[in-house]
Each structure stands twice: as C-alpha cells, then as structure tokens.
Amino acid sequence: MITQWSYILNFLAYMAVTIPILAVGIFFFTITTPYKEFALIKEGAQTDDPKKMAAAKAAAHDLGGKIIGLAIVLASAVYHAVNLWDLVVWGLVGMVFQVIIFYLFEWVTPFKVVSEIPNGNVSVGIFASRLSVAAGLLMAALISY
C-alpha cells in the first residue's frame, strides 16, 4: 500500500487541476454566449410554457455538449501531459477552441444559433452539442501529436 501513495498523490494533484479547469470552462462557455443557459434551463423547469421548455432543452444540449467536449479534451490532456502545466495549457486550448467552433458554427449556418436556442429550437441545440463533442474528440486526438 505504501508504494501506491505516490500514485494516489498524483491522481489527487491532476484532479485538483482538472476539476477547476472544467468549472472555469463552464463559466467561460456561459459568458461567451449572448443567452444565459442556466436561466433558460431554470425557467424551462418551472413552467408549462412549451417554448420555454424547448429553450431549456436546447440550452441544456448545447452547454452539455461543450462540457462533454471539454471533458474529452481534458481526459486526453491528463493522459498525455508531461506535467500539470501542460495539462493547464491543453485545458485552456480546449476551452477556447470549443467557443471558437461554436461561433464558426454560428457563422456558417443559414440561421442564427444564438437566437434559435433561446427560441426553443431543440434540433439546433442537439446539433451544436454533437458538434462540440466531435470537436472535443478531434482536439483530444490532436493532443497526442
């Protein structure tokens, strides 16, 4: 058991860096969109209005996809990091690129994502979610190079 302590301490150190990066990522995602994801989700849970309920679902899909995408990047960064600073750098890169990809999606689509999600277009929220997960997978693979 004594030989395991270094592994346990390493686990705790990486977790102590990874969890705050994920939390900062969630905060960063919510301040870089013009709509308020948590407010939309809360309003959708406290009403019978179908439009607000749909907006909550769309926002939850969108934000959830970004979180999963960042978590995938962080998992790869933990695996490939040579030290904690390396993990921090790749976590920040993943965070920034999730936002860039969201706005590229906004730019290339014939509709405005930033208005469709608050208006309850669940399909757009799901599509944005899947795009964020795909981006996370690609970024995770790129970290290994």
C-alpha atoms as a PDB file:
ATOM      1  CA  MET A   1       0.000   0.000   0.000  1.00  0.00           C
ATOM      2  CA  ILE A   2       2.887   2.384   0.728  1.00  0.00           C
ATOM      3  CA  THR A   3       4.038   2.161  -2.904  1.00  0.00           C
ATOM      4  CA  GLN A   4       0.586   3.327  -4.014  1.00  0.00           C
ATOM      5  CA  TRP A   5       0.790   6.689  -2.205  1.00  0.00           C
ATOM      6  CA  SER A   6       2.732   8.370  -4.999  1.00  0.00           C
ATOM      7  CA  TYR A   7       0.040   7.292  -7.473  1.00  0.00           C
ATOM      8  CA  ILE A   8      -2.718   8.494  -5.183  1.00  0.00           C
ATOM      9  CA  LEU A   9      -0.995  11.865  -4.723  1.00  0.00           C
ATOM     10  CA  ASN A  10      -0.512  12.157  -8.482  1.00  0.00           C
ATOM     11  CA  PHE A  11      -4.203  11.349  -9.004  1.00  0.00           C
ATOM     12  CA  LEU A  12      -5.213  13.993  -6.469  1.00  0.00           C
ATOM     13  CA  ALA A  13      -2.898  16.601  -7.995  1.00  0.00           C
ATOM     14  CA  TYR A  14      -4.259  16.051 -11.503  1.00  0.00           C
ATOM     15  CA  MET A  15      -7.827  16.020 -10.227  1.00  0.00           C
ATOM     16  CA  ALA A  16      -7.175  19.262  -8.301  1.00  0.00           C
ATOM     17  CA  VAL A  17      -6.197  20.876 -11.610  1.00  0.00           C
ATOM     18  CA  THR A  18      -8.725  19.200 -13.917  1.00  0.00           C
ATOM     19  CA  ILE A  19     -11.920  19.891 -11.957  1.00  0.00           C
ATOM     20  CA  PRO A  20     -11.286  23.659 -11.675  1.00  0.00           C
ATOM     21  CA  ILE A  21     -10.453  23.832 -15.389  1.00  0.00           C
ATOM     22  CA  LEU A  22     -13.775  22.154 -16.140  1.00  0.00           C
ATOM     23  CA  ALA A  23     -15.569  24.599 -13.807  1.00  0.00           C
ATOM     24  CA  VAL A  24     -13.821  27.581 -15.424  1.00  0.00           C
ATOM     25  CA  GLY A  25     -14.756  26.127 -18.814  1.00  0.00           C
ATOM     26  CA  ILE A  26     -18.439  26.003 -17.861  1.00  0.00           C
ATOM     27  CA  PHE A  27     -18.247  29.611 -16.668  1.00  0.00           C
ATOM     28  CA  PHE A  28     -16.387  30.638 -19.850  1.00  0.00           C
ATOM     29  CA  PHE A  29     -18.971  28.900 -22.045  1.00  0.00           C
ATOM     30  CA  THR A  30     -21.842  30.697 -20.300  1.00  0.00           C
ATOM     31  CA  ILE A  31     -20.291  34.169 -20.566  1.00  0.00           C
ATOM     32  CA  THR A  32     -19.362  33.828 -24.241  1.00  0.00           C
ATOM     33  CA  THR A  33     -22.920  33.220 -25.443  1.00  0.00           C
ATOM     34  CA  PRO A  34     -25.480  36.026 -25.550  1.00  0.00           C
ATOM     35  CA  TYR A  35     -28.128  33.870 -23.886  1.00  0.00           C
ATOM     36  CA  LYS A  36     -27.976  32.616 -20.313  1.00  0.00           C
ATOM     37  CA  GLU A  37     -28.008  28.833 -20.363  1.00  0.00           C
ATOM     38  CA  PHE A  38     -28.685  28.298 -16.658  1.00  0.00           C
ATOM     39  CA  ALA A  39     -31.516  30.843 -16.666  1.00  0.00           C
ATOM     40  CA  LEU A  40     -33.117  29.167 -19.696  1.00  0.00           C
ATOM     41  CA  ILE A  41     -32.780  25.749 -18.070  1.00  0.00           C
ATOM     42  CA  LYS A  42     -34.258  27.000 -14.781  1.00  0.00           C
ATOM     43  CA  GLU A  43     -37.156  28.788 -16.493  1.00  0.00           C
ATOM     44  CA  GLY A  44     -37.946  25.686 -18.544  1.00  0.00           C
ATOM     45  CA  ALA A  45     -38.149  23.559 -15.419  1.00  0.00           C
ATOM     46  CA  GLN A  46     -40.510  25.970 -13.655  1.00  0.00           C
ATOM     47  CA  THR A  47     -43.162  26.433 -16.310  1.00  0.00           C
ATOM     48  CA  ASP A  48     -45.710  24.723 -18.513  1.00  0.00           C
ATOM     49  CA  ASP A  49     -44.856  27.033 -21.438  1.00  0.00           C
ATOM     50  CA  PRO A  50     -43.763  24.722 -24.287  1.00  0.00           C
ATOM     51  CA  LYS A  51     -41.462  27.362 -25.800  1.00  0.00           C
ATOM     52  CA  LYS A  52     -39.592  27.873 -22.520  1.00  0.00           C
ATOM     53  CA  MET A  53     -39.370  24.120 -22.003  1.00  0.00           C
ATOM     54  CA  ALA A  54     -37.932  23.688 -25.500  1.00  0.00           C
ATOM     55  CA  ALA A  55     -35.462  26.545 -24.931  1.00  0.00           C
ATOM     56  CA  ALA A  56     -34.333  24.808 -21.740  1.00  0.00           C
ATOM     57  CA  LYS A  57     -33.746  21.563 -23.627  1.00  0.00           C
ATOM     58  CA  ALA A  58     -31.873  23.321 -26.419  1.00  0.00           C
ATOM     59  CA  ALA A  59     -29.659  25.196 -23.947  1.00  0.00           C
ATOM     60  CA  ALA A  60     -29.016  22.041 -21.919  1.00  0.00           C
ATOM     61  CA  HIS A  61     -27.959  20.138 -25.037  1.00  0.00           C
ATOM     62  CA  ASP A  62     -25.721  22.973 -26.203  1.00  0.00           C
ATOM     63  CA  LEU A  63     -23.995  23.528 -22.853  1.00  0.00           C
ATOM     64  CA  GLY A  64     -23.851  19.808 -22.111  1.00  0.00           C
ATOM     65  CA  GLY A  65     -22.098  19.131 -25.408  1.00  0.00           C
ATOM     66  CA  LYS A  66     -19.500  21.793 -24.688  1.00  0.00           C
ATOM     67  CA  ILE A  67     -18.895  20.300 -21.238  1.00  0.00           C
ATOM     68  CA  ILE A  68     -18.515  16.777 -22.645  1.00  0.00           C
ATOM     69  CA  GLY A  69     -16.243  18.067 -25.417  1.00  0.00           C
ATOM     70  CA  LEU A  70     -14.023  19.834 -22.897  1.00  0.00           C
ATOM     71  CA  ALA A  71     -14.012  16.774 -20.625  1.00  0.00           C
ATOM     72  CA  ILE A  72     -12.797  14.650 -23.554  1.00  0.00           C
ATOM     73  CA  VAL A  73     -10.002  17.148 -24.221  1.00  0.00           C
ATOM     74  CA  LEU A  74      -9.091  17.193 -20.524  1.00  0.00           C
ATOM     75  CA  ALA A  75      -9.044  13.393 -20.376  1.00  0.00           C
ATOM     76  CA  SER A  76      -6.610  13.297 -23.277  1.00  0.00           C
ATOM     77  CA  ALA A  77      -4.562  16.103 -21.740  1.00  0.00           C
ATOM     78  CA  VAL A  78      -4.301  14.193 -18.455  1.00  0.00           C
ATOM     79  CA  TYR A  79      -3.171  11.103 -20.343  1.00  0.00           C
ATOM     80  CA  HIS A  80      -0.592  12.922 -22.477  1.00  0.00           C
ATOM     81  CA  ALA A  81       0.526  15.728 -20.143  1.00  0.00           C
ATOM     82  CA  VAL A  82       4.142  15.708 -19.094  1.00  0.00           C
ATOM     83  CA  ASN A  83       3.275  17.811 -16.045  1.00  0.00           C
ATOM     84  CA  LEU A  84       0.455  19.854 -14.518  1.00  0.00           C
ATOM     85  CA  TRP A  85       1.288  22.995 -16.525  1.00  0.00           C
ATOM     86  CA  ASP A  86       0.989  21.002 -19.724  1.00  0.00           C
ATOM     87  CA  LEU A  87      -2.474  19.903 -18.577  1.00  0.00           C
ATOM     88  CA  VAL A  88      -3.453  23.507 -17.846  1.00  0.00           C
ATOM     89  CA  VAL A  89      -2.294  24.701 -21.277  1.00  0.00           C
ATOM     90  CA  TRP A  90      -4.204  21.987 -23.146  1.00  0.00           C
ATOM     91  CA  GLY A  91      -7.272  22.523 -20.985  1.00  0.00           C
ATOM     92  CA  LEU A  92      -7.275  26.224 -21.831  1.00  0.00           C
ATOM     93  CA  VAL A  93      -6.705  25.482 -25.526  1.00  0.00           C
ATOM     94  CA  GLY A  94      -9.660  23.077 -25.496  1.00  0.00           C
ATOM     95  CA  MET A  95     -11.837  25.643 -23.756  1.00  0.00           C
ATOM     96  CA  VAL A  96     -11.042  28.407 -26.220  1.00  0.00           C
ATOM     97  CA  PHE A  97     -11.483  26.172 -29.248  1.00  0.00           C
ATOM     98  CA  GLN A  98     -14.894  24.967 -28.046  1.00  0.00           C
ATOM     99  CA  VAL A  99     -16.045  28.598 -28.134  1.00  0.00           C
ATOM    100  CA  ILE A 100     -14.380  29.267 -31.489  1.00  0.00           C
ATOM    101  CA  ILE A 101     -16.086  26.228 -33.001  1.00  0.00           C
ATOM    102  CA  PHE A 102     -19.454  27.372 -31.638  1.00  0.00           C
ATOM    103  CA  TYR A 103     -19.057  30.743 -33.353  1.00  0.00           C
ATOM    104  CA  LEU A 104     -17.793  29.140 -36.578  1.00  0.00           C
ATOM    105  CA  PHE A 105     -20.976  27.063 -36.476  1.00  0.00           C
ATOM    106  CA  GLU A 106     -22.925  30.297 -35.966  1.00  0.00           C
ATOM    107  CA  TRP A 107     -21.127  31.882 -38.917  1.00  0.00           C
ATOM    108  CA  VAL A 108     -21.563  29.067 -41.471  1.00  0.00           C
ATOM    109  CA  THR A 109     -25.184  28.134 -40.797  1.00  0.00           C
ATOM    110  CA  PRO A 110     -28.037  29.818 -42.652  1.00  0.00           C
ATOM    111  CA  PHE A 111     -29.693  30.552 -39.294  1.00  0.00           C
ATOM    112  CA  LYS A 112     -28.523  32.279 -36.136  1.00  0.00           C
ATOM    113  CA  VAL A 113     -27.696  29.708 -33.468  1.00  0.00           C
ATOM    114  CA  VAL A 114     -27.636  32.386 -30.775  1.00  0.00           C
ATOM    115  CA  SER A 115     -31.284  33.200 -31.461  1.00  0.00           C
ATOM    116  CA  GLU A 116     -32.513  29.665 -32.267  1.00  0.00           C
ATOM    117  CA  ILE A 117     -31.513  28.137 -28.914  1.00  0.00           C
ATOM    118  CA  PRO A 118     -33.338  30.716 -26.730  1.00  0.00           C
ATOM    119  CA  ASN A 119     -36.317  30.416 -29.089  1.00  0.00           C
ATOM    120  CA  GLY A 120     -36.536  26.718 -28.305  1.00  0.00           C
ATOM    121  CA  ASN A 121     -35.080  25.112 -31.404  1.00  0.00           C
ATOM    122  CA  VAL A 122     -34.023  21.834 -29.781  1.00  0.00           C
ATOM    123  CA  SER A 123     -32.651  20.499 -33.062  1.00  0.00           C
ATOM    124  CA  VAL A 124     -30.105  23.313 -33.179  1.00  0.00           C
ATOM    125  CA  GLY A 125     -29.151  22.649 -29.554  1.00  0.00           C
ATOM    126  CA  ILE A 126     -28.660  18.952 -30.266  1.00  0.00           C
ATOM    127  CA  PHE A 127     -26.651  19.672 -33.406  1.00  0.00           C
ATOM    128  CA  ALA A 128     -24.471  22.188 -31.526  1.00  0.00           C
ATOM    129  CA  SER A 129     -23.974  19.601 -28.789  1.00  0.00           C
ATOM    130  CA  ARG A 130     -22.828  16.923 -31.212  1.00  0.00           C
ATOM    131  CA  LEU A 131     -20.527  19.397 -32.921  1.00  0.00           C
ATOM    132  CA  SER A 132     -18.915  20.211 -29.561  1.00  0.00           C
ATOM    133  CA  VAL A 133     -18.429  16.523 -28.755  1.00  0.00           C
ATOM    134  CA  ALA A 134     -16.922  15.897 -32.204  1.00  0.00           C
ATOM    135  CA  ALA A 135     -14.608  18.883 -31.769  1.00  0.00           C
ATOM    136  CA  GLY A 136     -13.578  17.574 -28.358  1.00  0.00           C
ATOM    137  CA  LEU A 137     -12.751  14.174 -29.813  1.00  0.00           C
ATOM    138  CA  LEU A 138     -10.675  15.714 -32.586  1.00  0.00           C
ATOM    139  CA  MET A 139      -8.831  18.024 -30.203  1.00  0.00           C
ATOM    140  CA  ALA A 140      -8.176  15.095 -27.865  1.00  0.00           C
ATOM    141  CA  ALA A 141      -6.587  13.157 -30.713  1.00  0.00           C
ATOM    142  CA  LEU A 142      -4.522  16.178 -31.758  1.00  0.00           C
ATOM    143  CA  ILE A 143      -3.031  16.485 -28.276  1.00  0.00           C
ATOM    144  CA  SER A 144      -1.216  13.205 -28.782  1.00  0.00           C
ATOM    145  CA  TYR A 145       0.838  14.633 -31.649  1.00  0.00           C
END
